[in-house]
């Protein structure tokens, strides 16, 4: 069992629970950044959150 895969799996589970908790809020805005090498990928539910993520 590789520790890096365990960490990634637990992080995905935690992220899923966080998204479920936020989905119950009516005006929730979410955003995030995934960095692959030198390229950031910005994910957001509104333009304001996209700017906040940058």
Foldseek 3Di string as FASTA:
>chain_A
DDPVVVVVVVVVVVVVVVVVVQVVDPPDKDKEWDDDPPDIDIDIPDPVRSVVHD
